[in-house]
Amino acid sequence: MDRVRSMDKCRKAHHSEEFKEGLAKRLDRIEGQIRGIKKMIQEDRYCDHILNQLTAVRSALASVQEQLLLGHMHTCVLDQLREGDLGVIEELSSTIRRMIR
């Protein structure tokens, strides 16, 4: 239901350019790390080193996810609450449940 609700409204985020650029830079670095891991596998690098790199990527993705969640709560969610859309609470709850699985 909540997925349908968010798709139906075709909402868009309204983060600052600085915020979006910061996330994009972090994702570019993560993308580079992924390419590096792929190369390490192709070169038969020691598994422990690859696993350490994978852990670093997971941590970096978690950081991006946390930043985006906080940005979402401070902009999108807050604006929808101001507009009286209390359904955003259930949507946010569902998102957080998926994140912590």
C-alpha atoms as a PDB file:
ATOM      1  CA  MET A   1       0.000   0.000   0.000  1.00  0.00           C
ATOM      2  CA  ASP A   2       2.690   2.530   0.982  1.00  0.00           C
ATOM      3  CA  ARG A   3       4.700   1.843  -2.189  1.00  0.00           C
ATOM      4  CA  VAL A   4       1.616   2.445  -4.311  1.00  0.00           C
ATOM      5  CA  ARG A   5       0.915   5.601  -2.312  1.00  0.00           C
ATOM      6  CA  SER A   6       4.348   7.057  -2.995  1.00  0.00           C
ATOM      7  CA  MET A   7       4.290   6.098  -6.675  1.00  0.00           C
ATOM      8  CA  ASP A   8       0.818   7.541  -7.232  1.00  0.00           C
ATOM      9  CA  LYS A   9       1.788  11.000  -6.060  1.00  0.00           C
ATOM     10  CA  CYS A  10       5.037  11.077  -8.076  1.00  0.00           C
ATOM     11  CA  ARG A  11       6.661  13.146  -5.385  1.00  0.00           C
ATOM     12  CA  LYS A  12      10.120  14.558  -5.769  1.00  0.00           C
ATOM     13  CA  ALA A  13      12.742  15.368  -3.184  1.00  0.00           C
ATOM     14  CA  HIS A  14      13.836  18.964  -2.853  1.00  0.00           C
ATOM     15  CA  HIS A  15      17.320  18.811  -1.412  1.00  0.00           C
ATOM     16  CA  SER A  16      19.880  21.526  -1.906  1.00  0.00           C
ATOM     17  CA  GLU A  17      22.379  21.242  -4.729  1.00  0.00           C
ATOM     18  CA  GLU A  18      25.145  21.043  -2.122  1.00  0.00           C
ATOM     19  CA  PHE A  19      23.449  18.084  -0.436  1.00  0.00           C
ATOM     20  CA  LYS A  20      22.934  16.256  -3.752  1.00  0.00           C
ATOM     21  CA  GLU A  21      26.502  16.951  -4.866  1.00  0.00           C
ATOM     22  CA  GLY A  22      27.834  15.594  -1.572  1.00  0.00           C
ATOM     23  CA  LEU A  23      25.876  12.370  -1.976  1.00  0.00           C
ATOM     24  CA  ALA A  24      26.922  12.076  -5.625  1.00  0.00           C
ATOM     25  CA  LYS A  25      30.601  12.452  -4.689  1.00  0.00           C
ATOM     26  CA  ARG A  26      30.294   9.775  -2.025  1.00  0.00           C
ATOM     27  CA  LEU A  27      28.562   7.452  -4.485  1.00  0.00           C
ATOM     28  CA  ASP A  28      31.269   8.107  -7.086  1.00  0.00           C
ATOM     29  CA  ARG A  29      33.889   7.033  -4.523  1.00  0.00           C
ATOM     30  CA  ILE A  30      31.871   3.927  -3.687  1.00  0.00           C
ATOM     31  CA  GLU A  31      31.562   3.139  -7.383  1.00  0.00           C
ATOM     32  CA  GLY A  32      35.351   3.373  -7.650  1.00  0.00           C
ATOM     33  CA  GLN A  33      35.733   1.057  -4.663  1.00  0.00           C
ATOM     34  CA  ILE A  34      33.429  -1.476  -6.322  1.00  0.00           C
ATOM     35  CA  ARG A  35      35.471  -1.363  -9.520  1.00  0.00           C
ATOM     36  CA  GLY A  36      38.592  -1.877  -7.414  1.00  0.00           C
ATOM     37  CA  ILE A  37      37.064  -4.902  -5.714  1.00  0.00           C
ATOM     38  CA  LYS A  38      36.109  -6.372  -9.070  1.00  0.00           C
ATOM     39  CA  LYS A  39      39.698  -5.930 -10.248  1.00  0.00           C
ATOM     40  CA  MET A  40      41.025  -7.521  -7.046  1.00  0.00           C
ATOM     41  CA  ILE A  41      38.852 -10.585  -7.690  1.00  0.00           C
ATOM     42  CA  GLN A  42      39.997 -10.804 -11.311  1.00  0.00           C
ATOM     43  CA  GLU A  43      43.624 -10.591 -10.149  1.00  0.00           C
ATOM     44  CA  ASP A  44      43.129 -13.359  -7.556  1.00  0.00           C
ATOM     45  CA  ARG A  45      44.002 -11.059  -4.673  1.00  0.00           C
ATOM     46  CA  TYR A  46      43.946 -12.453  -1.159  1.00  0.00           C
ATOM     47  CA  CYS A  47      40.361 -13.011   0.015  1.00  0.00           C
ATOM     48  CA  ASP A  48      40.841 -11.256   3.349  1.00  0.00           C
ATOM     49  CA  HIS A  49      41.868  -8.040   1.571  1.00  0.00           C
ATOM     50  CA  ILE A  50      38.806  -8.218  -0.672  1.00  0.00           C
ATOM     51  CA  LEU A  51      36.537  -8.853   2.303  1.00  0.00           C
ATOM     52  CA  ASN A  52      37.993  -5.796   4.053  1.00  0.00           C
ATOM     53  CA  GLN A  53      37.233  -3.684   0.987  1.00  0.00           C
ATOM     54  CA  LEU A  54      33.673  -5.027   0.876  1.00  0.00           C
ATOM     55  CA  THR A  55      33.254  -4.067   4.520  1.00  0.00           C
ATOM     56  CA  ALA A  56      34.456  -0.552   3.710  1.00  0.00           C
ATOM     57  CA  VAL A  57      31.925  -0.291   0.864  1.00  0.00           C
ATOM     58  CA  ARG A  58      29.096  -1.451   3.107  1.00  0.00           C
ATOM     59  CA  SER A  59      30.077   1.141   5.676  1.00  0.00           C
ATOM     60  CA  ALA A  60      30.244   3.870   3.043  1.00  0.00           C
ATOM     61  CA  LEU A  61      26.804   2.909   1.696  1.00  0.00           C
ATOM     62  CA  ALA A  62      25.382   2.934   5.219  1.00  0.00           C
ATOM     63  CA  SER A  63      26.729   6.454   5.638  1.00  0.00           C
ATOM     64  CA  VAL A  64      25.041   7.617   2.419  1.00  0.00           C
ATOM     65  CA  GLN A  65      21.837   5.909   3.502  1.00  0.00           C
ATOM     66  CA  GLU A  66      21.940   7.632   6.891  1.00  0.00           C
ATOM     67  CA  GLN A  67      22.570  11.048   5.333  1.00  0.00           C
ATOM     68  CA  LEU A  68      19.718  10.593   2.885  1.00  0.00           C
ATOM     69  CA  LEU A  69      17.349   9.378   5.616  1.00  0.00           C
ATOM     70  CA  LEU A  70      18.131  12.410   7.764  1.00  0.00           C
ATOM     71  CA  GLY A  71      17.739  14.723   4.777  1.00  0.00           C
ATOM     72  CA  HIS A  72      14.433  13.053   3.937  1.00  0.00           C
ATOM     73  CA  MET A  73      13.122  13.543   7.470  1.00  0.00           C
ATOM     74  CA  HIS A  74      14.201  17.189   7.598  1.00  0.00           C
ATOM     75  CA  THR A  75      12.704  18.089   4.219  1.00  0.00           C
ATOM     76  CA  CYS A  76      10.211  15.708   2.622  1.00  0.00           C
ATOM     77  CA  VAL A  77       8.680  14.238   5.771  1.00  0.00           C
ATOM     78  CA  LEU A  78       8.517  17.555   7.600  1.00  0.00           C
ATOM     79  CA  ASP A  79       6.870  19.261   4.616  1.00  0.00           C
ATOM     80  CA  GLN A  80       4.279  16.499   4.271  1.00  0.00           C
ATOM     81  CA  LEU A  81       3.471  16.698   7.966  1.00  0.00           C
ATOM     82  CA  ARG A  82       3.010  20.460   7.636  1.00  0.00           C
ATOM     83  CA  GLU A  83       0.576  19.753   4.784  1.00  0.00           C
ATOM     84  CA  GLY A  84      -1.347  17.410   7.089  1.00  0.00           C
ATOM     85  CA  ASP A  85      -0.261  14.199   5.362  1.00  0.00           C
ATOM     86  CA  LEU A  86       0.073  11.876   8.353  1.00  0.00           C
ATOM     87  CA  GLY A  87       0.457   8.869   6.040  1.00  0.00           C
ATOM     88  CA  VAL A  88       4.086   9.865   5.648  1.00  0.00           C
ATOM     89  CA  ILE A  89       4.702   8.451   9.142  1.00  0.00           C
ATOM     90  CA  GLU A  90       3.725   4.944   8.032  1.00  0.00           C
ATOM     91  CA  GLU A  91       5.766   5.363   4.862  1.00  0.00           C
ATOM     92  CA  LEU A  92       8.812   6.384   6.912  1.00  0.00           C
ATOM     93  CA  SER A  93       8.235   3.527   9.354  1.00  0.00           C
ATOM     94  CA  SER A  94       8.157   1.019   6.485  1.00  0.00           C
ATOM     95  CA  THR A  95      11.344   2.481   5.051  1.00  0.00           C
ATOM     96  CA  ILE A  96      13.144   2.243   8.381  1.00  0.00           C
ATOM     97  CA  ARG A  97      11.943  -1.356   8.882  1.00  0.00           C
ATOM     98  CA  ARG A  98      13.409  -2.290   5.492  1.00  0.00           C
ATOM     99  CA  MET A  99      16.654  -0.513   6.328  1.00  0.00           C
ATOM    100  CA  ILE A 100      17.246  -2.379   9.581  1.00  0.00           C
ATOM    101  CA  ARG A 101      16.646  -5.876   8.199  1.00  0.00           C
END
